[in-house]
PDB file of N, CA and C in Angstrom:
ATOM      1  N   ASP A   1      24.601 129.661  19.506  1.00  0.00           N
ATOM      2  CA  ASP A   1      24.670 129.802  20.951  1.00  0.00           C
ATOM      3  C   ASP A   1      24.448 128.447  21.632  1.00  0.00           C
ATOM      4  N   LEU A   2      23.459 127.681  21.178  1.00  0.00           N
ATOM      5  CA  LEU A   2      23.191 126.378  21.768  1.00  0.00           C
ATOM      6  C   LEU A   2      24.331 125.404  21.503  1.00  0.00           C
ATOM      7  N   LYS A   3      24.915 125.461  20.305  1.00  0.00           N
ATOM      8  CA  LYS A   3      26.048 124.590  19.986  1.00  0.00           C
ATOM      9  C   LYS A   3      27.237 124.910  20.889  1.00  0.00           C
ATOM     10  N   GLN A   4      27.459 126.180  21.150  1.00  0.00           N
ATOM     11  CA  GLN A   4      28.557 126.579  22.025  1.00  0.00           C
ATOM     12  C   GLN A   4      28.324 126.080  23.449  1.00  0.00           C
ATOM     13  N   ARG A   5      27.077 126.218  23.965  1.00  0.00           N
ATOM     14  CA  ARG A   5      26.767 125.738  25.312  1.00  0.00           C
ATOM     15  C   ARG A   5      26.925 124.220  25.398  1.00  0.00           C
ATOM     16  N   ALA A   6      26.494 123.506  24.357  1.00  0.00           N
ATOM     17  CA  ALA A   6      26.641 122.051  24.340  1.00  0.00           C
ATOM     18  C   ALA A   6      28.115 121.659  24.343  1.00  0.00           C
ATOM     19  N   SER A   7      28.924 122.399  23.608  1.00  0.00           N
ATOM     20  CA  SER A   7      30.363 122.143  23.584  1.00  0.00           C
ATOM     21  C   SER A   7      30.978 122.405  24.959  1.00  0.00           C
ATOM     22  N   ASP A   8      30.583 123.498  25.600  1.00  0.00           N
ATOM     23  CA  ASP A   8      31.079 123.820  26.943  1.00  0.00           C
ATOM     24  C   ASP A   8      30.651 122.748  27.942  1.00  0.00           C
ATOM     25  N   PHE A   9      29.404 122.300  27.802  1.00  0.00           N
ATOM     26  CA  PHE A   9      28.850 121.280  28.683  1.00  0.00           C
ATOM     27  C   PHE A   9      29.661 119.992  28.596  1.00  0.00           C
ATOM     28  N   ALA A  10      30.055 119.629  27.390  1.00  0.00           N
ATOM     29  CA  ALA A  10      30.797 118.389  27.168  1.00  0.00           C
ATOM     30  C   ALA A  10      32.241 118.477  27.650  1.00  0.00           C
ATOM     31  N   THR A  11      32.792 119.672  27.730  1.00  0.00           N
ATOM     32  CA  THR A  11      34.201 119.803  28.086  1.00  0.00           C
ATOM     33  C   THR A  11      34.450 120.217  29.534  1.00  0.00           C
ATOM     34  N   ILE A  12      33.403 120.295  30.330  1.00  0.00           N
ATOM     35  CA  ILE A  12      33.587 120.625  31.748  1.00  0.00           C
ATOM     36  C   ILE A  12      34.428 119.520  32.378  1.00  0.00           C
ATOM     37  N   THR A  13      35.403 119.892  33.165  1.00  0.00           N
ATOM     38  CA  THR A  13      36.291 118.885  33.755  1.00  0.00           C
ATOM     39  C   THR A  13      35.501 117.931  34.638  1.00  0.00           C
ATOM     40  N   LYS A  14      35.865 116.663  34.586  1.00  0.00           N
ATOM     41  CA  LYS A  14      35.129 115.633  35.304  1.00  0.00           C
ATOM     42  C   LYS A  14      35.384 115.660  36.803  1.00  0.00           C
ATOM     43  N   ASN A  15      36.511 116.097  37.228  1.00  0.00           N
ATOM     44  CA  ASN A  15      36.838 116.094  38.653  1.00  0.00           C
ATOM     45  C   ASN A  15      37.135 117.504  39.128  1.00  0.00           C
ATOM     46  N   ASP A  16      36.112 118.278  39.275  1.00  0.00           N
ATOM     47  CA  ASP A  16      36.265 119.651  39.758  1.00  0.00           C
ATOM     48  C   ASP A  16      36.530 119.591  41.262  1.00  0.00           C
ATOM     49  N   SER A  17      37.727 119.968  41.673  1.00  0.00           N
ATOM     50  CA  SER A  17      38.113 119.852  43.079  1.00  0.00           C
ATOM     51  C   SER A  17      37.364 120.841  43.967  1.00  0.00           C
ATOM     52  N   ASN A  18      36.684 121.815  43.379  1.00  0.00           N
ATOM     53  CA  ASN A  18      35.933 122.791  44.168  1.00  0.00           C
ATOM     54  C   ASN A  18      34.574 122.276  44.598  1.00  0.00           C
ATOM     55  N   ILE A  19      34.123 121.155  44.065  1.00  0.00           N
ATOM     56  CA  ILE A  19      32.790 120.644  44.365  1.00  0.00           C
ATOM     57  C   ILE A  19      32.886 119.509  45.366  1.00  0.00           C
ATOM     58  N   SER A  20      32.197 119.681  46.485  1.00  0.00           N
ATOM     59  CA  SER A  20      32.145 118.660  47.522  1.00  0.00           C
ATOM     60  C   SER A  20      30.767 117.997  47.460  1.00  0.00           C
ATOM     61  N   LEU A  21      30.732 116.666  47.393  1.00  0.00           N
ATOM     62  CA  LEU A  21      29.475 115.935  47.279  1.00  0.00           C
ATOM     63  C   LEU A  21      29.537 114.678  48.119  1.00  0.00           C
ATOM     64  N   SER A  22      28.540 114.499  48.990  1.00  0.00           N
ATOM     65  CA  SER A  22      28.436 113.269  49.760  1.00  0.00           C
ATOM     66  C   SER A  22      26.969 113.018  50.096  1.00  0.00           C
ATOM     67  N   VAL A  23      26.648 111.751  50.332  1.00  0.00           N
ATOM     68  CA  VAL A  23      25.306 111.360  50.736  1.00  0.00           C
ATOM     69  C   VAL A  23      25.452 110.517  51.985  1.00  0.00           C
ATOM     70  N   GLU A  24      24.722 110.902  53.034  1.00  0.00           N
ATOM     71  CA  GLU A  24      24.825 110.190  54.298  1.00  0.00           C
ATOM     72  C   GLU A  24      23.450 109.793  54.795  1.00  0.00           C
ATOM     73  N   PRO A  25      23.344 108.623  55.431  1.00  0.00           N
ATOM     74  CA  PRO A  25      22.048 108.232  55.996  1.00  0.00           C
ATOM     75  C   PRO A  25      21.684 109.139  57.164  1.00  0.00           C
ATOM     76  N   ILE A  26      20.397 109.361  57.321  1.00  0.00           N
ATOM     77  CA  ILE A  26      19.907 110.164  58.443  1.00  0.00           C
ATOM     78  C   ILE A  26      19.676 109.214  59.604  1.00  0.00           C
ATOM     79  N   SER A  27      20.199 109.556  60.763  1.00  0.00           N
ATOM     80  CA  SER A  27      20.019 108.715  61.948  1.00  0.00           C
ATOM     81  C   SER A  27      18.542 108.691  62.313  1.00  0.00           C
ATOM     82  N   SER A  28      18.082 107.516  62.679  1.00  0.00           N
ATOM     83  CA  SER A  28      16.687 107.349  63.076  1.00  0.00           C
ATOM     84  C   SER A  28      16.628 106.651  64.416  1.00  0.00           C
ATOM     85  N   LYS A  29      15.717 107.109  65.291  1.00  0.00           N
ATOM     86  CA  LYS A  29      15.576 106.491  66.602  1.00  0.00           C
ATOM     87  C   LYS A  29      15.093 105.052  66.470  1.00  0.00           C
ATOM     88  N   SER A  30      14.204 104.816  65.513  1.00  0.00           N
ATOM     89  CA  SER A  30      13.670 103.469  65.313  1.00  0.00           C
ATOM     90  C   SER A  30      14.324 102.827  64.094  1.00  0.00           C
ATOM     91  N   LYS A  31      15.640 102.853  64.059  1.00  0.00           N
ATOM     92  CA  LYS A  31      16.379 102.347  62.909  1.00  0.00           C
ATOM     93  C   LYS A  31      16.125 100.859  62.672  1.00  0.00           C
ATOM     94  N   SER A  32      15.866 100.104  63.733  1.00  0.00           N
ATOM     95  CA  SER A  32      15.637  98.673  63.569  1.00  0.00           C
ATOM     96  C   SER A  32      14.332  98.382  62.839  1.00  0.00           C
ATOM     97  N   SER A  33      13.360  99.275  62.920  1.00  0.00           N
ATOM     98  CA  SER A  33      12.085  99.049  62.241  1.00  0.00           C
ATOM     99  C   SER A  33      12.120  99.454  60.773  1.00  0.00           C
ATOM    100  N   LYS A  34      13.151 100.171  60.375  1.00  0.00           N
ATOM    101  CA  LYS A  34      13.254 100.606  58.977  1.00  0.00           C
ATOM    102  C   LYS A  34      14.125  99.638  58.198  1.00  0.00           C
ATOM    103  N   THR A  35      13.713  99.367  56.974  1.00  0.00           N
ATOM    104  CA  THR A  35      14.558  98.560  56.104  1.00  0.00           C
ATOM    105  C   THR A  35      15.526  99.487  55.395  1.00  0.00           C
ATOM    106  N   ASN A  36      16.562  98.926  54.791  1.00  0.00           N
ATOM    107  CA  ASN A  36      17.555  99.718  54.086  1.00  0.00           C
ATOM    108  C   ASN A  36      16.911 100.530  52.959  1.00  0.00           C
ATOM    109  N   LYS A  37      15.876  99.944  52.312  1.00  0.00           N
ATOM    110  CA  LYS A  37      15.201 100.621  51.206  1.00  0.00           C
ATOM    111  C   LYS A  37      14.473 101.879  51.676  1.00  0.00           C
ATOM    112  N   ASP A  38      13.955 101.836  52.919  1.00  0.00           N
ATOM    113  CA  ASP A  38      13.182 102.960  53.453  1.00  0.00           C
ATOM    114  C   ASP A  38      14.046 104.008  54.142  1.00  0.00           C
ATOM    115  N   GLU A  39      15.334 103.752  54.231  1.00  0.00           N
ATOM    116  CA  GLU A  39      16.225 104.670  54.920  1.00  0.00           C
ATOM    117  C   GLU A  39      16.313 105.990  54.168  1.00  0.00           C
ATOM    118  N   GLU A  40      16.290 107.099  54.905  1.00  0.00           N
ATOM    119  CA  GLU A  40      16.385 108.410  54.277  1.00  0.00           C
ATOM    120  C   GLU A  40      17.823 108.907  54.322  1.00  0.00           C
ATOM    121  N   TYR A  41      18.168 109.732  53.333  1.00  0.00           N
ATOM    122  CA  TYR A  41      19.528 110.224  53.192  1.00  0.00           C
ATOM    123  C   TYR A  41      19.558 111.745  53.133  1.00  0.00           C
ATOM    124  N   CYS A  42      20.722 112.286  53.431  1.00  0.00           N
ATOM    125  CA  CYS A  42      20.993 113.720  53.344  1.00  0.00           C
ATOM    126  C   CYS A  42      22.062 113.909  52.271  1.00  0.00           C
ATOM    127  N   LEU A  43      21.804 114.797  51.325  1.00  0.00           N
ATOM    128  CA  LEU A  43      22.781 115.118  50.290  1.00  0.00           C
ATOM    129  C   LEU A  43      23.536 116.366  50.721  1.00  0.00           C
ATOM    130  N   LYS A  44      24.857 116.238  50.849  1.00  0.00           N
ATOM    131  CA  LYS A  44      25.702 117.386  51.180  1.00  0.00           C
ATOM    132  C   LYS A  44      26.402 117.819  49.904  1.00  0.00           C
ATOM    133  N   TYR A  45      26.093 119.026  49.467  1.00  0.00           N
ATOM    134  CA  TYR A  45      26.640 119.573  48.219  1.00  0.00           C
ATOM    135  C   TYR A  45      27.266 120.924  48.547  1.00  0.00           C
ATOM    136  N   ASN A  46      28.599 120.981  48.484  1.00  0.00           N
ATOM    137  CA  ASN A  46      29.344 122.164  48.918  1.00  0.00           C
ATOM    138  C   ASN A  46      28.902 122.549  50.320  1.00  0.00           C
ATOM    139  N   GLN A  47      28.423 123.767  50.541  1.00  0.00           N
ATOM    140  CA  GLN A  47      28.036 124.178  51.890  1.00  0.00           C
ATOM    141  C   GLN A  47      26.571 123.890  52.193  1.00  0.00           C
ATOM    142  N   PHE A  48      25.823 123.298  51.252  1.00  0.00           N
ATOM    143  CA  PHE A  48      24.395 123.056  51.417  1.00  0.00           C
ATOM    144  C   PHE A  48      24.113 121.632  51.855  1.00  0.00           C
ATOM    145  N   LYS A  49      23.020 121.457  52.600  1.00  0.00           N
ATOM    146  CA  LYS A  49      22.510 120.134  52.964  1.00  0.00           C
ATOM    147  C   LYS A  49      21.070 120.054  52.478  1.00  0.00           C
ATOM    148  N   PHE A  50      20.767 118.973  51.752  1.00  0.00           N
ATOM    149  CA  PHE A  50      19.425 118.781  51.226  1.00  0.00           C
ATOM    150  C   PHE A  50      18.834 117.499  51.791  1.00  0.00           C
ATOM    151  N   TYR A  51      17.578 117.581  52.207  1.00  0.00           N
ATOM    152  CA  TYR A  51      16.822 116.452  52.721  1.00  0.00           C
ATOM    153  C   TYR A  51      15.578 116.289  51.849  1.00  0.00           C
ATOM    154  N   VAL A  52      14.884 115.169  52.001  1.00  0.00           N
ATOM    155  CA  VAL A  52      13.600 115.011  51.330  1.00  0.00           C
ATOM    156  C   VAL A  52      12.679 116.112  51.851  1.00  0.00           C
ATOM    157  N   ARG A  53      11.958 116.749  50.972  1.00  0.00           N
ATOM    158  CA  ARG A  53      11.043 117.883  51.210  1.00  0.00           C
ATOM    159  C   ARG A  53      11.780 119.208  51.394  1.00  0.00           C
ATOM    160  N   SER A  54      13.089 119.250  51.108  1.00  0.00           N
ATOM    161  CA  SER A  54      13.836 120.518  51.142  1.00  0.00           C
ATOM    162  C   SER A  54      13.610 121.281  49.838  1.00  0.00           C
ATOM    163  N   PRO A  55      13.436 122.603  49.914  1.00  0.00           N
ATOM    164  CA  PRO A  55      13.388 123.391  48.674  1.00  0.00           C
ATOM    165  C   PRO A  55      14.772 123.404  48.027  1.00  0.00           C
ATOM    166  N   ILE A  56      14.793 123.445  46.702  1.00  0.00           N
ATOM    167  CA  ILE A  56      16.063 123.414  45.987  1.00  0.00           C
ATOM    168  C   ILE A  56      15.957 124.242  44.713  1.00  0.00           C
ATOM    169  N   SER A  57      17.056 124.874  44.363  1.00  0.00           N
ATOM    170  CA  SER A  57      17.161 125.624  43.114  1.00  0.00           C
ATOM    171  C   SER A  57      18.277 124.990  42.298  1.00  0.00           C
ATOM    172  N   LEU A  58      17.996 124.717  41.026  1.00  0.00           N
ATOM    173  CA  LEU A  58      18.950 124.052  40.141  1.00  0.00           C
ATOM    174  C   LEU A  58      19.273 124.956  38.966  1.00  0.00           C
ATOM    175  N   HIS A  59      20.525 124.931  38.541  1.00  0.00           N
ATOM    176  CA  HIS A  59      20.943 125.674  37.352  1.00  0.00           C
ATOM    177  C   HIS A  59      21.625 124.706  36.396  1.00  0.00           C
ATOM    178  N   SER A  60      21.133 124.635  35.162  1.00  0.00           N
ATOM    179  CA  SER A  60      21.713 123.767  34.138  1.00  0.00           C
ATOM    180  C   SER A  60      22.720 124.554  33.321  1.00  0.00           C
ATOM    181  N   LYS A  61      23.946 124.055  33.280  1.00  0.00           N
ATOM    182  CA  LYS A  61      24.969 124.719  32.460  1.00  0.00           C
ATOM    183  C   LYS A  61      24.704 124.522  30.974  1.00  0.00           C
ATOM    184  N   LEU A  62      23.997 123.430  30.612  1.00  0.00           N
ATOM    185  CA  LEU A  62      23.706 123.168  29.206  1.00  0.00           C
ATOM    186  C   LEU A  62      22.710 124.175  28.649  1.00  0.00           C
ATOM    187  N   SER A  63      21.569 124.329  29.334  1.00  0.00           N
ATOM    188  CA  SER A  63      20.521 125.210  28.816  1.00  0.00           C
ATOM    189  C   SER A  63      20.625 126.627  29.355  1.00  0.00           C
ATOM    190  N   GLY A  64      21.361 126.806  30.443  1.00  0.00           N
ATOM    191  CA  GLY A  64      21.450 128.123  31.063  1.00  0.00           C
ATOM    192  C   GLY A  64      20.194 128.475  31.847  1.00  0.00           C
ATOM    193  N   GLN A  65      19.314 127.498  32.082  1.00  0.00           N
ATOM    194  CA  GLN A  65      18.057 127.743  32.763  1.00  0.00           C
ATOM    195  C   GLN A  65      18.148 127.407  34.239  1.00  0.00           C
ATOM    196  N   ASP A  66      17.277 128.063  35.006  1.00  0.00           N
ATOM    197  CA  ASP A  66      17.140 127.785  36.427  1.00  0.00           C
ATOM    198  C   ASP A  66      15.825 127.056  36.652  1.00  0.00           C
ATOM    199  N   PHE A  67      15.831 126.103  37.580  1.00  0.00           N
ATOM    200  CA  PHE A  67      14.645 125.328  37.929  1.00  0.00           C
ATOM    201  C   PHE A  67      14.514 125.335  39.444  1.00  0.00           C
ATOM    202  N   VAL A  68      13.279 125.451  39.932  1.00  0.00           N
ATOM    203  CA  VAL A  68      13.030 125.493  41.366  1.00  0.00           C
ATOM    204  C   VAL A  68      12.031 124.411  41.716  1.00  0.00           C
ATOM    205  N   GLY A  69      12.283 123.712  42.825  1.00  0.00           N
ATOM    206  CA  GLY A  69      11.379 122.653  43.237  1.00  0.00           C
ATOM    207  C   GLY A  69      11.666 122.173  44.641  1.00  0.00           C
ATOM    208  N   VAL A  70      11.241 120.948  44.917  1.00  0.00           N
ATOM    209  CA  VAL A  70      11.384 120.332  46.229  1.00  0.00           C
ATOM    210  C   VAL A  70      11.977 118.937  46.038  1.00  0.00           C
ATOM    211  N   VAL A  71      12.933 118.564  46.874  1.00  0.00           N
ATOM    212  CA  VAL A  71      13.560 117.247  46.797  1.00  0.00           C
ATOM    213  C   VAL A  71      12.531 116.184  47.188  1.00  0.00           C
ATOM    214  N   SER A  72      12.345 115.191  46.315  1.00  0.00           N
ATOM    215  CA  SER A  72      11.394 114.102  46.571  1.00  0.00           C
ATOM    216  C   SER A  72      12.079 112.823  47.027  1.00  0.00           C
ATOM    217  N   ARG A  73      13.286 112.566  46.533  1.00  0.00           N
ATOM    218  CA  ARG A  73      14.007 111.343  46.891  1.00  0.00           C
ATOM    219  C   ARG A  73      15.504 111.579  46.769  1.00  0.00           C
ATOM    220  N   ILE A  74      16.267 110.971  47.681  1.00  0.00           N
ATOM    221  CA  ILE A  74      17.728 111.007  47.625  1.00  0.00           C
ATOM    222  C   ILE A  74      18.219 109.574  47.692  1.00  0.00           C
ATOM    223  N   ASP A  75      18.898 109.132  46.638  1.00  0.00           N
ATOM    224  CA  ASP A  75      19.446 107.777  46.588  1.00  0.00           C
ATOM    225  C   ASP A  75      20.794 107.732  47.298  1.00  0.00           C
ATOM    226  N   PRO A  76      21.185 106.547  47.793  1.00  0.00           N
ATOM    227  CA  PRO A  76      22.532 106.425  48.352  1.00  0.00           C
ATOM    228  C   PRO A  76      23.583 106.589  47.263  1.00  0.00           C
ATOM    229  N   LEU A  77      24.765 106.964  47.664  1.00  0.00           N
ATOM    230  CA  LEU A  77      25.880 107.198  46.755  1.00  0.00           C
ATOM    231  C   LEU A  77      26.643 105.897  46.539  1.00  0.00           C
ATOM    232  N   SER A  78      27.026 105.629  45.289  1.00  0.00           N
ATOM    233  CA  SER A  78      27.870 104.463  44.996  1.00  0.00           C
ATOM    234  C   SER A  78      28.782 104.803  43.833  1.00  0.00           C
ATOM    235  N   SER A  79      29.829 104.023  43.666  1.00  0.00           N
ATOM    236  CA  SER A  79      30.786 104.239  42.582  1.00  0.00           C
ATOM    237  C   SER A  79      30.643 103.143  41.547  1.00  0.00           C
ATOM    238  N   ALA A  80      30.846 103.511  40.281  1.00  0.00           N
ATOM    239  CA  ALA A  80      30.813 102.522  39.205  1.00  0.00           C
ATOM    240  C   ALA A  80      32.204 101.960  39.029  1.00  0.00           C
ATOM    241  N   SER A  81      32.295 100.652  39.025  1.00  0.00           N
ATOM    242  CA  SER A  81      33.607 100.035  38.829  1.00  0.00           C
ATOM    243  C   SER A  81      33.538  98.906  37.804  1.00  0.00           C
ATOM    244  N   SER A  82      32.490  98.909  36.983  1.00  0.00           N
ATOM    245  CA  SER A  82      32.313  97.821  36.024  1.00  0.00           C
ATOM    246  C   SER A  82      33.256  97.935  34.832  1.00  0.00           C
ATOM    247  N   SER A  83      33.690  99.141  34.507  1.00  0.00           N
ATOM    248  CA  SER A  83      34.619  99.301  33.383  1.00  0.00           C
ATOM    249  C   SER A  83      35.675 100.342  33.735  1.00  0.00           C
ATOM    250  N   PRO A  84      36.843 100.253  33.145  1.00  0.00           N
ATOM    251  CA  PRO A  84      37.910 101.205  33.460  1.00  0.00           C
ATOM    252  C   PRO A  84      37.532 102.645  33.145  1.00  0.00           C
ATOM    253  N   SER A  85      36.717 102.864  32.122  1.00  0.00           N
ATOM    254  CA  SER A  85      36.354 104.241  31.746  1.00  0.00           C
ATOM    255  C   SER A  85      35.408 104.872  32.752  1.00  0.00           C
ATOM    256  N   SER A  86      34.700 104.066  33.553  1.00  0.00           N
ATOM    257  CA  SER A  86      33.750 104.613  34.512  1.00  0.00           C
ATOM    258  C   SER A  86      34.285 104.602  35.937  1.00  0.00           C
ATOM    259  N   SER A  87      35.595 104.468  36.110  1.00  0.00           N
ATOM    260  CA  SER A  87      36.165 104.333  37.446  1.00  0.00           C
ATOM    261  C   SER A  87      35.950 105.572  38.300  1.00  0.00           C
ATOM    262  N   ASN A  88      35.847 106.750  37.703  1.00  0.00           N
ATOM    263  CA  ASN A  88      35.629 107.975  38.461  1.00  0.00           C
ATOM    264  C   ASN A  88      34.161 108.380  38.497  1.00  0.00           C
ATOM    265  N   MET A  89      33.298 107.580  37.915  1.00  0.00           N
ATOM    266  CA  MET A  89      31.891 107.926  37.819  1.00  0.00           C
ATOM    267  C   MET A  89      31.187 107.692  39.152  1.00  0.00           C
ATOM    268  N   ILE A  90      30.348 108.618  39.534  1.00  0.00           N
ATOM    269  CA  ILE A  90      29.568 108.503  40.758  1.00  0.00           C
ATOM    270  C   ILE A  90      28.153 108.106  40.358  1.00  0.00           C
ATOM    271  N   MET A  91      27.656 107.029  40.951  1.00  0.00           N
ATOM    272  CA  MET A  91      26.318 106.548  40.616  1.00  0.00           C
ATOM    273  C   MET A  91      25.325 107.020  41.665  1.00  0.00           C
ATOM    274  N   GLY A  92      24.111 107.212  41.223  1.00  0.00           N
ATOM    275  CA  GLY A  92      23.029 107.624  42.108  1.00  0.00           C
ATOM    276  C   GLY A  92      22.399 108.904  41.595  1.00  0.00           C
ATOM    277  N   GLU A  93      21.251 109.220  42.169  1.00  0.00           N
ATOM    278  CA  GLU A  93      20.538 110.414  41.734  1.00  0.00           C
ATOM    279  C   GLU A  93      19.574 110.861  42.811  1.00  0.00           C
ATOM    280  N   MET A  94      19.107 112.083  42.651  1.00  0.00           N
ATOM    281  CA  MET A  94      18.012 112.545  43.487  1.00  0.00           C
ATOM    282  C   MET A  94      16.869 112.948  42.566  1.00  0.00           C
ATOM    283  N   LEU A  95      15.675 112.822  43.073  1.00  0.00           N
ATOM    284  CA  LEU A  95      14.483 113.164  42.316  1.00  0.00           C
ATOM    285  C   LEU A  95      13.939 114.475  42.869  1.00  0.00           C
ATOM    286  N   VAL A  96      13.678 115.422  41.972  1.00  0.00           N
ATOM    287  CA  VAL A  96      13.181 116.737  42.372  1.00  0.00           C
ATOM    288  C   VAL A  96      11.840 116.983  41.700  1.00  0.00           C
ATOM    289  N   ARG A  97      10.848 117.377  42.482  1.00  0.00           N
ATOM    290  CA  ARG A  97       9.563 117.776  41.911  1.00  0.00           C
ATOM    291  C   ARG A  97       9.597 119.289  41.725  1.00  0.00           C
ATOM    292  N   LEU A  98       9.534 119.695  40.462  1.00  0.00           N
ATOM    293  CA  LEU A  98       9.566 121.118  40.140  1.00  0.00           C
ATOM    294  C   LEU A  98       8.219 121.750  40.449  1.00  0.00           C
ATOM    295  N   TYR A  99       8.204 123.076  40.616  1.00  0.00           N
ATOM    296  CA  TYR A  99       6.981 123.761  40.995  1.00  0.00           C
ATOM    297  C   TYR A  99       5.903 123.727  39.916  1.00  0.00           C
ATOM    298  N   ASP A 100       6.253 123.365  38.683  1.00  0.00           N
ATOM    299  CA  ASP A 100       5.228 123.218  37.643  1.00  0.00           C
ATOM    300  C   ASP A 100       4.587 121.832  37.673  1.00  0.00           C
ATOM    301  N   GLY A 101       4.997 120.982  38.635  1.00  0.00           N
ATOM    302  CA  GLY A 101       4.406 119.657  38.802  1.00  0.00           C
ATOM    303  C   GLY A 101       5.181 118.534  38.133  1.00  0.00           C
ATOM    304  N   THR A 102       6.181 118.858  37.333  1.00  0.00           N
ATOM    305  CA  THR A 102       6.982 117.826  36.673  1.00  0.00           C
ATOM    306  C   THR A 102       8.125 117.384  37.586  1.00  0.00           C
ATOM    307  N   TYR A 103       8.704 116.241  37.263  1.00  0.00           N
ATOM    308  CA  TYR A 103       9.830 115.712  38.027  1.00  0.00           C
ATOM    309  C   TYR A 103      11.083 115.732  37.175  1.00  0.00           C
ATOM    310  N   CYS A 104      12.224 115.886  37.828  1.00  0.00           N
ATOM    311  CA  CYS A 104      13.497 115.734  37.126  1.00  0.00           C
ATOM    312  C   CYS A 104      14.437 114.911  38.003  1.00  0.00           C
ATOM    313  N   ARG A 105      15.257 114.122  37.336  1.00  0.00           N
ATOM    314  CA  ARG A 105      16.263 113.302  38.013  1.00  0.00           C
ATOM    315  C   ARG A 105      17.600 114.006  37.884  1.00  0.00           C
ATOM    316  N   ILE A 106      18.256 114.209  38.994  1.00  0.00           N
ATOM    317  CA  ILE A 106      19.550 114.882  39.019  1.00  0.00           C
ATOM    318  C   ILE A 106      20.609 113.829  39.346  1.00  0.00           C
ATOM    319  N   LYS A 107      21.418 113.497  38.379  1.00  0.00           N
ATOM    320  CA  LYS A 107      22.471 112.500  38.573  1.00  0.00           C
ATOM    321  C   LYS A 107      23.617 113.112  39.383  1.00  0.00           C
ATOM    322  N   TYR A 108      24.108 112.360  40.362  1.00  0.00           N
ATOM    323  CA  TYR A 108      25.203 112.843  41.206  1.00  0.00           C
ATOM    324  C   TYR A 108      26.448 113.140  40.382  1.00  0.00           C
ATOM    325  N   ASP A 109      26.663 112.365  39.326  1.00  0.00           N
ATOM    326  CA  ASP A 109      27.827 112.577  38.480  1.00  0.00           C
ATOM    327  C   ASP A 109      27.798 113.971  37.847  1.00  0.00           C
ATOM    328  N   TYR A 110      26.614 114.424  37.431  1.00  0.00           N
ATOM    329  CA  TYR A 110      26.490 115.775  36.851  1.00  0.00           C
ATOM    330  C   TYR A 110      26.737 116.857  37.898  1.00  0.00           C
ATOM    331  N   LEU A 111      26.314 116.606  39.137  1.00  0.00           N
ATOM    332  CA  LEU A 111      26.590 117.572  40.211  1.00  0.00           C
ATOM    333  C   LEU A 111      28.097 117.667  40.450  1.00  0.00           C
ATOM    334  N   LYS A 112      28.743 116.512  40.532  1.00  0.00           N
ATOM    335  CA  LYS A 112      30.184 116.476  40.815  1.00  0.00           C
ATOM    336  C   LYS A 112      30.997 117.116  39.692  1.00  0.00           C
ATOM    337  N   GLN A 113      30.528 116.947  38.451  1.00  0.00           N
ATOM    338  CA  GLN A 113      31.230 117.532  37.300  1.00  0.00           C
ATOM    339  C   GLN A 113      30.921 119.015  37.116  1.00  0.00           C
ATOM    340  N   GLY A 114      29.954 119.553  37.840  1.00  0.00           N
ATOM    341  CA  GLY A 114      29.607 120.960  37.708  1.00  0.00           C
ATOM    342  C   GLY A 114      28.662 121.257  36.550  1.00  0.00           C
ATOM    343  N   LYS A 115      28.073 120.223  35.967  1.00  0.00           N
ATOM    344  CA  LYS A 115      27.140 120.437  34.859  1.00  0.00           C
ATOM    345  C   LYS A 115      25.793 120.955  35.351  1.00  0.00           C
ATOM    346  N   ILE A 116      25.455 120.600  36.584  1.00  0.00           N
ATOM    347  CA  ILE A 116      24.250 121.124  37.246  1.00  0.00           C
ATOM    348  C   ILE A 116      24.696 121.685  38.588  1.00  0.00           C
ATOM    349  N   ILE A 117      24.193 122.850  38.916  1.00  0.00           N
ATOM    350  CA  ILE A 117      24.563 123.518  40.165  1.00  0.00           C
ATOM    351  C   ILE A 117      23.327 123.629  41.050  1.00  0.00           C
ATOM    352  N   CYS A 118      23.458 123.250  42.320  1.00  0.00           N
ATOM    353  CA  CYS A 118      22.357 123.306  43.280  1.00  0.00           C
ATOM    354  C   CYS A 118      22.568 124.434  44.275  1.00  0.00           C
ATOM    355  N   SER A 119      21.480 125.016  44.724  1.00  0.00           N
ATOM    356  CA  SER A 119      21.510 125.967  45.831  1.00  0.00           C
ATOM    357  C   SER A 119      20.162 125.924  46.531  1.00  0.00           C
ATOM    358  N   GLU A 120      20.097 126.582  47.679  1.00  0.00           N
ATOM    359  CA  GLU A 120      18.836 126.599  48.447  1.00  0.00           C
ATOM    360  C   GLU A 120      17.951 127.721  47.978  1.00  0.00           C
TER     361      GLU A 120
END
């Protein structure tokens, strides 16, 4: 069963046209006092919007498990262009603190490929 899930995980199409993913900066009234590093972002995933301190539910296609937690950090979105094989790769991640106290990093590329599914 685990070998089959791992095989399915590896063969999920890389560009699922049904998945919408974007990261946008949050407008701030005192934008001049904030540095780029301190800027906060909003992750738009399909019909959902996630902010820092937003509750989130994650489903892993590899393990078939669900995880629940709170968004701790959202990185800006960027594209990898260092090699031809990574031309469609989306760089960046969000950090989620799970309710058991552990943290997990969710790579945007896995969200876009459908390997991890987010919901509220």
